[in-house]
Amino acid sequence: LLIISNNIDGIKETKLFLSSTFKMKDLGEVDTILDIKVKKDSESFTLSQSHYVDSVINKFKHLNIKEANTPIDPNINSIKNE
């Protein structure tokens, strides 16, 4: 369970209620949840799964699978995404 709020008292109250109702551990500030890395700065959170992508790439390197070029069809017209 991940609790996010800008109200520290609300977080403490929620954790107190949950711990009185359920057996739980407070793991402190989030670093990773559900294999998603979480970075926090003063105004936002950034979610990343790059470490997961790296582990998948390494897994396939161990299977000796070689890279292959996949050229794009030159007849496809791309449009700018607004």
PDB file of N, CA and C in Angstrom:
ATOM      1  N   LEU A   1       0.852  -1.169   0.000  1.00  0.00           N
ATOM      2  CA  LEU A   1       0.000   0.000   0.000  1.00  0.00           C
ATOM      3  C   LEU A   1       0.895   1.228   0.000  1.00  0.00           C
ATOM      4  N   LEU A   2       0.599   2.149  -0.857  1.00  0.00           N
ATOM      5  CA  LEU A   2       1.362   3.388  -0.939  1.00  0.00           C
ATOM      6  C   LEU A   2       0.438   4.545  -0.572  1.00  0.00           C
ATOM      7  N   ILE A   3       0.849   5.325   0.404  1.00  0.00           N
ATOM      8  CA  ILE A   3       0.061   6.473   0.851  1.00  0.00           C
ATOM      9  C   ILE A   3       0.797   7.734   0.404  1.00  0.00           C
ATOM     10  N   ILE A   4       0.119   8.561  -0.380  1.00  0.00           N
ATOM     11  CA  ILE A   4       0.724   9.802  -0.867  1.00  0.00           C
ATOM     12  C   ILE A   4      -0.190  10.969  -0.497  1.00  0.00           C
ATOM     13  N   SER A   5       0.398  11.976   0.122  1.00  0.00           N
ATOM     14  CA  SER A   5      -0.354  13.169   0.479  1.00  0.00           C
ATOM     15  C   SER A   5       0.617  14.279   0.828  1.00  0.00           C
ATOM     16  N   ASN A   6       0.159  15.496   0.715  1.00  0.00           N
ATOM     17  CA  ASN A   6       0.974  16.615   1.188  1.00  0.00           C
ATOM     18  C   ASN A   6       0.607  16.977   2.633  1.00  0.00           C
ATOM     19  N   ASN A   7      -0.277  16.191   3.242  1.00  0.00           N
ATOM     20  CA  ASN A   7      -0.712  16.406   4.620  1.00  0.00           C
ATOM     21  C   ASN A   7      -0.075  15.341   5.516  1.00  0.00           C
ATOM     22  N   ILE A   8       1.042  15.678   6.150  1.00  0.00           N
ATOM     23  CA  ILE A   8       1.780  14.724   6.991  1.00  0.00           C
ATOM     24  C   ILE A   8       0.922  14.200   8.133  1.00  0.00           C
ATOM     25  N   ASP A   9       0.129  15.071   8.750  1.00  0.00           N
ATOM     26  CA  ASP A   9      -0.736  14.616   9.844  1.00  0.00           C
ATOM     27  C   ASP A   9      -1.755  13.591   9.345  1.00  0.00           C
ATOM     28  N   GLY A  10      -2.265  13.799   8.145  1.00  0.00           N
ATOM     29  CA  GLY A  10      -3.204  12.845   7.558  1.00  0.00           C
ATOM     30  C   GLY A  10      -2.549  11.502   7.290  1.00  0.00           C
ATOM     31  N   ILE A  11      -1.306  11.529   6.831  1.00  0.00           N
ATOM     32  CA  ILE A  11      -0.566  10.280   6.603  1.00  0.00           C
ATOM     33  C   ILE A  11      -0.360   9.545   7.928  1.00  0.00           C
ATOM     34  N   LYS A  12       0.071  10.272   8.952  1.00  0.00           N
ATOM     35  CA  LYS A  12       0.295   9.650  10.262  1.00  0.00           C
ATOM     36  C   LYS A  12      -0.993   9.052  10.814  1.00  0.00           C
ATOM     37  N   GLU A  13      -2.099   9.771  10.688  1.00  0.00           N
ATOM     38  CA  GLU A  13      -3.391   9.289  11.170  1.00  0.00           C
ATOM     39  C   GLU A  13      -3.823   8.040  10.403  1.00  0.00           C
ATOM     40  N   THR A  14      -3.627   8.047   9.112  1.00  0.00           N
ATOM     41  CA  THR A  14      -3.986   6.882   8.283  1.00  0.00           C
ATOM     42  C   THR A  14      -3.150   5.673   8.671  1.00  0.00           C
ATOM     43  N   LYS A  15      -1.844   5.873   8.841  1.00  0.00           N
ATOM     44  CA  LYS A  15      -0.970   4.760   9.227  1.00  0.00           C
ATOM     45  C   LYS A  15      -1.324   4.236  10.612  1.00  0.00           C
ATOM     46  N   LEU A  16      -1.668   5.125  11.525  1.00  0.00           N
ATOM     47  CA  LEU A  16      -2.071   4.708  12.864  1.00  0.00           C
ATOM     48  C   LEU A  16      -3.337   3.858  12.806  1.00  0.00           C
ATOM     49  N   PHE A  17      -4.320   4.301  12.027  1.00  0.00           N
ATOM     50  CA  PHE A  17      -5.559   3.538  11.878  1.00  0.00           C
ATOM     51  C   PHE A  17      -5.279   2.173  11.252  1.00  0.00           C
ATOM     52  N   LEU A  18      -4.504   2.156  10.162  1.00  0.00           N
ATOM     53  CA  LEU A  18      -4.225   0.891   9.489  1.00  0.00           C
ATOM     54  C   LEU A  18      -3.466  -0.081  10.382  1.00  0.00           C
ATOM     55  N   SER A  19      -2.494   0.430  11.141  1.00  0.00           N
ATOM     56  CA  SER A  19      -1.713  -0.458  12.013  1.00  0.00           C
ATOM     57  C   SER A  19      -2.537  -0.972  13.190  1.00  0.00           C
ATOM     58  N   SER A  20      -3.583  -0.243  13.581  1.00  0.00           N
ATOM     59  CA  SER A  20      -4.442  -0.735  14.667  1.00  0.00           C
ATOM     60  C   SER A  20      -5.459  -1.758  14.144  1.00  0.00           C
ATOM     61  N   THR A  21      -5.674  -1.753  12.825  1.00  0.00           N
ATOM     62  CA  THR A  21      -6.657  -2.643  12.213  1.00  0.00           C
ATOM     63  C   THR A  21      -6.000  -3.864  11.565  1.00  0.00           C
ATOM     64  N   PHE A  22      -4.798  -3.693  11.022  1.00  0.00           N
ATOM     65  CA  PHE A  22      -4.102  -4.744  10.291  1.00  0.00           C
ATOM     66  C   PHE A  22      -2.683  -4.897  10.808  1.00  0.00           C
ATOM     67  N   LYS A  23      -2.130  -6.098  10.625  1.00  0.00           N
ATOM     68  CA  LYS A  23      -0.714  -6.299  10.911  1.00  0.00           C
ATOM     69  C   LYS A  23       0.047  -5.695   9.739  1.00  0.00           C
ATOM     70  N   MET A  24       0.927  -4.747  10.012  1.00  0.00           N
ATOM     71  CA  MET A  24       1.639  -4.065   8.933  1.00  0.00           C
ATOM     72  C   MET A  24       2.995  -3.570   9.396  1.00  0.00           C
ATOM     73  N   LYS A  25       3.847  -3.256   8.404  1.00  0.00           N
ATOM     74  CA  LYS A  25       5.151  -2.648   8.655  1.00  0.00           C
ATOM     75  C   LYS A  25       5.210  -1.337   7.894  1.00  0.00           C
ATOM     76  N   ASP A  26       5.781  -0.328   8.506  1.00  0.00           N
ATOM     77  CA  ASP A  26       6.011   0.942   7.824  1.00  0.00           C
ATOM     78  C   ASP A  26       7.420   0.890   7.243  1.00  0.00           C
ATOM     79  N   LEU A  27       7.527   0.884   5.920  1.00  0.00           N
ATOM     80  CA  LEU A  27       8.821   0.790   5.254  1.00  0.00           C
ATOM     81  C   LEU A  27       9.421   2.155   4.935  1.00  0.00           C
ATOM     82  N   GLY A  28       8.783   3.220   5.415  1.00  0.00           N
ATOM     83  CA  GLY A  28       9.308   4.559   5.185  1.00  0.00           C
ATOM     84  C   GLY A  28       8.990   5.064   3.798  1.00  0.00           C
ATOM     85  N   GLU A  29       9.811   6.011   3.342  1.00  0.00           N
ATOM     86  CA  GLU A  29       9.564   6.597   2.021  1.00  0.00           C
ATOM     87  C   GLU A  29       9.767   5.556   0.937  1.00  0.00           C
ATOM     88  N   VAL A  30       8.934   5.646  -0.084  1.00  0.00           N
ATOM     89  CA  VAL A  30       8.961   4.678  -1.172  1.00  0.00           C
ATOM     90  C   VAL A  30      10.204   4.856  -2.033  1.00  0.00           C
ATOM     91  N   ASP A  31      10.779   3.721  -2.423  1.00  0.00           N
ATOM     92  CA  ASP A  31      11.881   3.686  -3.373  1.00  0.00           C
ATOM     93  C   ASP A  31      11.436   2.901  -4.610  1.00  0.00           C
ATOM     94  N   THR A  32      10.794   1.758  -4.364  1.00  0.00           N
ATOM     95  CA  THR A  32      10.288   0.894  -5.434  1.00  0.00           C
ATOM     96  C   THR A  32       8.969   0.298  -4.979  1.00  0.00           C
ATOM     97  N   ILE A  33       8.000   0.251  -5.881  1.00  0.00           N
ATOM     98  CA  ILE A  33       6.726  -0.406  -5.590  1.00  0.00           C
ATOM     99  C   ILE A  33       6.265  -1.091  -6.865  1.00  0.00           C
ATOM    100  N   LEU A  34       5.937  -2.370  -6.754  1.00  0.00           N
ATOM    101  CA  LEU A  34       5.485  -3.166  -7.894  1.00  0.00           C
ATOM    102  C   LEU A  34       6.469  -3.084  -9.056  1.00  0.00           C
ATOM    103  N   ASP A  35       7.759  -3.185  -8.741  1.00  0.00           N
ATOM    104  CA  ASP A  35       8.839  -3.107  -9.737  1.00  0.00           C
ATOM    105  C   ASP A  35       8.924  -1.757 -10.450  1.00  0.00           C
ATOM    106  N   ILE A  36       8.366  -0.732  -9.849  1.00  0.00           N
ATOM    107  CA  ILE A  36       8.437   0.610 -10.419  1.00  0.00           C
ATOM    108  C   ILE A  36       9.281   1.468  -9.480  1.00  0.00           C
ATOM    109  N   LYS A  37      10.362   2.041 -10.012  1.00  0.00           N
ATOM    110  CA  LYS A  37      11.201   2.944  -9.226  1.00  0.00           C
ATOM    111  C   LYS A  37      10.486   4.283  -9.086  1.00  0.00           C
ATOM    112  N   VAL A  38      10.534   4.844  -7.889  1.00  0.00           N
ATOM    113  CA  VAL A  38       9.871   6.112  -7.608  1.00  0.00           C
ATOM    114  C   VAL A  38      10.922   7.113  -7.146  1.00  0.00           C
ATOM    115  N   LYS A  39      11.002   8.237  -7.853  1.00  0.00           N
ATOM    116  CA  LYS A  39      11.888   9.332  -7.438  1.00  0.00           C
ATOM    117  C   LYS A  39      11.012  10.519  -7.088  1.00  0.00           C
ATOM    118  N   LYS A  40      11.336  11.157  -5.972  1.00  0.00           N
ATOM    119  CA  LYS A  40      10.555  12.307  -5.512  1.00  0.00           C
ATOM    120  C   LYS A  40      11.448  13.528  -5.496  1.00  0.00           C
ATOM    121  N   ASP A  41      10.936  14.621  -6.049  1.00  0.00           N
ATOM    122  CA  ASP A  41      11.631  15.890  -5.856  1.00  0.00           C
ATOM    123  C   ASP A  41      10.674  16.824  -5.120  1.00  0.00           C
ATOM    124  N   SER A  42      10.987  18.075  -5.042  1.00  0.00           N
ATOM    125  CA  SER A  42      10.188  18.986  -4.218  1.00  0.00           C
ATOM    126  C   SER A  42       8.758  19.163  -4.714  1.00  0.00           C
ATOM    127  N   GLU A  43       8.494  18.929  -5.999  1.00  0.00           N
ATOM    128  CA  GLU A  43       7.169  19.206  -6.532  1.00  0.00           C
ATOM    129  C   GLU A  43       6.485  18.037  -7.219  1.00  0.00           C
ATOM    130  N   SER A  44       7.210  16.921  -7.437  1.00  0.00           N
ATOM    131  CA  SER A  44       6.589  15.851  -8.221  1.00  0.00           C
ATOM    132  C   SER A  44       7.222  14.498  -7.936  1.00  0.00           C
ATOM    133  N   PHE A  45       6.623  13.479  -8.517  1.00  0.00           N
ATOM    134  CA  PHE A  45       7.136  12.128  -8.470  1.00  0.00           C
ATOM    135  C   PHE A  45       7.441  11.687  -9.894  1.00  0.00           C
ATOM    136  N   THR A  46       8.496  10.913 -10.073  1.00  0.00           N
ATOM    137  CA  THR A  46       8.831  10.335 -11.368  1.00  0.00           C
ATOM    138  C   THR A  46       8.815   8.823 -11.209  1.00  0.00           C
ATOM    139  N   LEU A  47       8.109   8.142 -12.099  1.00  0.00           N
ATOM    140  CA  LEU A  47       8.015   6.682 -12.078  1.00  0.00           C
ATOM    141  C   LEU A  47       8.832   6.133 -13.240  1.00  0.00           C
ATOM    142  N   SER A  48       9.596   5.074 -12.989  1.00  0.00           N
ATOM    143  CA  SER A  48      10.457   4.526 -14.027  1.00  0.00           C
ATOM    144  C   SER A  48      10.551   3.007 -13.901  1.00  0.00           C
ATOM    145  N   GLN A  49      10.564   2.337 -15.035  1.00  0.00           N
ATOM    146  CA  GLN A  49      10.797   0.896 -15.049  1.00  0.00           C
ATOM    147  C   GLN A  49      12.058   0.560 -15.842  1.00  0.00           C
ATOM    148  N   SER A  50      12.971   1.519 -15.971  1.00  0.00           N
ATOM    149  CA  SER A  50      14.184   1.280 -16.755  1.00  0.00           C
ATOM    150  C   SER A  50      15.004   0.119 -16.188  1.00  0.00           C
ATOM    151  N   HIS A  51      15.021  -0.052 -14.861  1.00  0.00           N
ATOM    152  CA  HIS A  51      15.756  -1.171 -14.272  1.00  0.00           C
ATOM    153  C   HIS A  51      15.155  -2.506 -14.704  1.00  0.00           C
ATOM    154  N   TYR A  52      13.838  -2.545 -14.885  1.00  0.00           N
ATOM    155  CA  TYR A  52      13.173  -3.767 -15.346  1.00  0.00           C
ATOM    156  C   TYR A  52      13.546  -4.049 -16.800  1.00  0.00           C
ATOM    157  N   VAL A  53      13.553  -3.011 -17.622  1.00  0.00           N
ATOM    158  CA  VAL A  53      13.944  -3.170 -19.022  1.00  0.00           C
ATOM    159  C   VAL A  53      15.377  -3.691 -19.102  1.00  0.00           C
ATOM    160  N   ASP A  54      16.271  -3.124 -18.280  1.00  0.00           N
ATOM    161  CA  ASP A  54      17.659  -3.592 -18.252  1.00  0.00           C
ATOM    162  C   ASP A  54      17.752  -5.063 -17.876  1.00  0.00           C
ATOM    163  N   SER A  55      16.959  -5.490 -16.907  1.00  0.00           N
ATOM    164  CA  SER A  55      17.011  -6.898 -16.489  1.00  0.00           C
ATOM    165  C   SER A  55      16.494  -7.824 -17.592  1.00  0.00           C
ATOM    166  N   VAL A  56      15.481  -7.393 -18.337  1.00  0.00           N
ATOM    167  CA  VAL A  56      14.977  -8.195 -19.454  1.00  0.00           C
ATOM    168  C   VAL A  56      16.036  -8.288 -20.550  1.00  0.00           C
ATOM    169  N   ILE A  57      16.687  -7.170 -20.865  1.00  0.00           N
ATOM    170  CA  ILE A  57      17.754  -7.167 -21.875  1.00  0.00           C
ATOM    171  C   ILE A  57      18.871  -8.113 -21.455  1.00  0.00           C
ATOM    172  N   ASN A  58      19.293  -8.035 -20.197  1.00  0.00           N
ATOM    173  CA  ASN A  58      20.352  -8.921 -19.719  1.00  0.00           C
ATOM    174  C   ASN A  58      19.934 -10.381 -19.782  1.00  0.00           C
ATOM    175  N   LYS A  59      18.687 -10.656 -19.489  1.00  0.00           N
ATOM    176  CA  LYS A  59      18.183 -12.027 -19.549  1.00  0.00           C
ATOM    177  C   LYS A  59      18.349 -12.581 -20.958  1.00  0.00           C
ATOM    178  N   PHE A  60      17.990 -11.787 -21.959  1.00  0.00           N
ATOM    179  CA  PHE A  60      18.080 -12.275 -23.333  1.00  0.00           C
ATOM    180  C   PHE A  60      19.516 -12.311 -23.842  1.00  0.00           C
ATOM    181  N   LYS A  61      20.392 -11.496 -23.301  1.00  0.00           N
ATOM    182  CA  LYS A  61      21.810 -11.592 -23.664  1.00  0.00           C
ATOM    183  C   LYS A  61      22.362 -12.954 -23.233  1.00  0.00           C
ATOM    184  N   HIS A  62      21.925 -13.427 -22.064  1.00  0.00           N
ATOM    185  CA  HIS A  62      22.389 -14.725 -21.573  1.00  0.00           C
ATOM    186  C   HIS A  62      21.870 -15.875 -22.428  1.00  0.00           C
ATOM    187  N   LEU A  63      20.815 -15.651 -23.188  1.00  0.00           N
ATOM    188  CA  LEU A  63      20.271 -16.685 -24.062  1.00  0.00           C
ATOM    189  C   LEU A  63      20.906 -16.641 -25.450  1.00  0.00           C
ATOM    190  N   ASN A  64      21.911 -15.750 -25.612  1.00  0.00           N
ATOM    191  CA  ASN A  64      22.626 -15.601 -26.880  1.00  0.00           C
ATOM    192  C   ASN A  64      21.704 -15.248 -28.049  1.00  0.00           C
ATOM    193  N   ILE A  65      20.702 -14.449 -27.779  1.00  0.00           N
ATOM    194  CA  ILE A  65      19.807 -13.967 -28.832  1.00  0.00           C
ATOM    195  C   ILE A  65      20.429 -12.711 -29.419  1.00  0.00           C
ATOM    196  N   LYS A  66      20.526 -12.664 -30.742  1.00  0.00           N
ATOM    197  CA  LYS A  66      21.184 -11.542 -31.397  1.00  0.00           C
ATOM    198  C   LYS A  66      20.176 -10.463 -31.765  1.00  0.00           C
ATOM    199  N   GLU A  67      20.666  -9.222 -31.811  1.00  0.00           N
ATOM    200  CA  GLU A  67      19.834  -8.093 -32.211  1.00  0.00           C
ATOM    201  C   GLU A  67      19.502  -8.201 -33.692  1.00  0.00           C
ATOM    202  N   ALA A  68      18.390  -7.632 -34.083  1.00  0.00           N
ATOM    203  CA  ALA A  68      18.004  -7.592 -35.491  1.00  0.00           C
ATOM    204  C   ALA A  68      17.489  -6.204 -35.822  1.00  0.00           C
ATOM    205  N   ASN A  69      17.871  -5.697 -36.967  1.00  0.00           N
ATOM    206  CA  ASN A  69      17.349  -4.412 -37.427  1.00  0.00           C
ATOM    207  C   ASN A  69      15.924  -4.600 -37.908  1.00  0.00           C
ATOM    208  N   THR A  70      15.062  -3.683 -37.535  1.00  0.00           N
ATOM    209  CA  THR A  70      13.674  -3.703 -37.994  1.00  0.00           C
ATOM    210  C   THR A  70      13.416  -2.363 -38.662  1.00  0.00           C
ATOM    211  N   PRO A  71      13.621  -2.303 -39.974  1.00  0.00           N
ATOM    212  CA  PRO A  71      13.445  -1.013 -40.653  1.00  0.00           C
ATOM    213  C   PRO A  71      11.978  -0.602 -40.710  1.00  0.00           C
ATOM    214  N   ILE A  72      11.746   0.683 -40.707  1.00  0.00           N
ATOM    215  CA  ILE A  72      10.384   1.202 -40.803  1.00  0.00           C
ATOM    216  C   ILE A  72       9.977   1.252 -42.276  1.00  0.00           C
ATOM    217  N   ASP A  73       8.724   0.995 -42.522  1.00  0.00           N
ATOM    218  CA  ASP A  73       8.190   1.054 -43.881  1.00  0.00           C
ATOM    219  C   ASP A  73       8.268   2.505 -44.368  1.00  0.00           C
ATOM    220  N   PRO A  74       8.982   2.783 -45.473  1.00  0.00           N
ATOM    221  CA  PRO A  74       9.121   4.172 -45.942  1.00  0.00           C
ATOM    222  C   PRO A  74       7.827   4.761 -46.471  1.00  0.00           C
ATOM    223  N   ASN A  75       6.812   3.924 -46.676  1.00  0.00           N
ATOM    224  CA  ASN A  75       5.536   4.416 -47.176  1.00  0.00           C
ATOM    225  C   ASN A  75       4.614   4.917 -46.074  1.00  0.00           C
ATOM    226  N   ILE A  76       5.014   4.742 -44.831  1.00  0.00           N
ATOM    227  CA  ILE A  76       4.198   5.210 -43.696  1.00  0.00           C
ATOM    228  C   ILE A  76       4.489   6.683 -43.454  1.00  0.00           C
ATOM    229  N   ASN A  77       3.444   7.485 -43.416  1.00  0.00           N
ATOM    230  CA  ASN A  77       3.608   8.918 -43.124  1.00  0.00           C
ATOM    231  C   ASN A  77       3.298   9.164 -41.646  1.00  0.00           C
ATOM    232  N   SER A  78       4.286   9.681 -40.962  1.00  0.00           N
ATOM    233  CA  SER A  78       4.108   9.990 -39.547  1.00  0.00           C
ATOM    234  C   SER A  78       3.472  11.364 -39.399  1.00  0.00           C
ATOM    235  N   ILE A  79       2.703  11.530 -38.333  1.00  0.00           N
ATOM    236  CA  ILE A  79       2.141  12.844 -38.031  1.00  0.00           C
ATOM    237  C   ILE A  79       2.590  13.246 -36.643  1.00  0.00           C
ATOM    238  N   LYS A  80       2.738  14.523 -36.436  1.00  0.00           N
ATOM    239  CA  LYS A  80       3.177  15.039 -35.150  1.00  0.00           C
ATOM    240  C   LYS A  80       2.091  14.825 -34.108  1.00  0.00           C
ATOM    241  N   ASN A  81       2.475  14.285 -32.961  1.00  0.00           N
ATOM    242  CA  ASN A  81       1.550  14.069 -31.845  1.00  0.00           C
ATOM    243  C   ASN A  81       1.487  15.341 -31.019  1.00  0.00           C
ATOM    244  N   GLU A  82       0.323  15.929 -30.938  1.00  0.00           N
ATOM    245  CA  GLU A  82       0.149  17.153 -30.163  1.00  0.00           C
ATOM    246  C   GLU A  82       0.061  16.812 -28.702  1.00  0.00           C
TER     247      GLU A  82
END
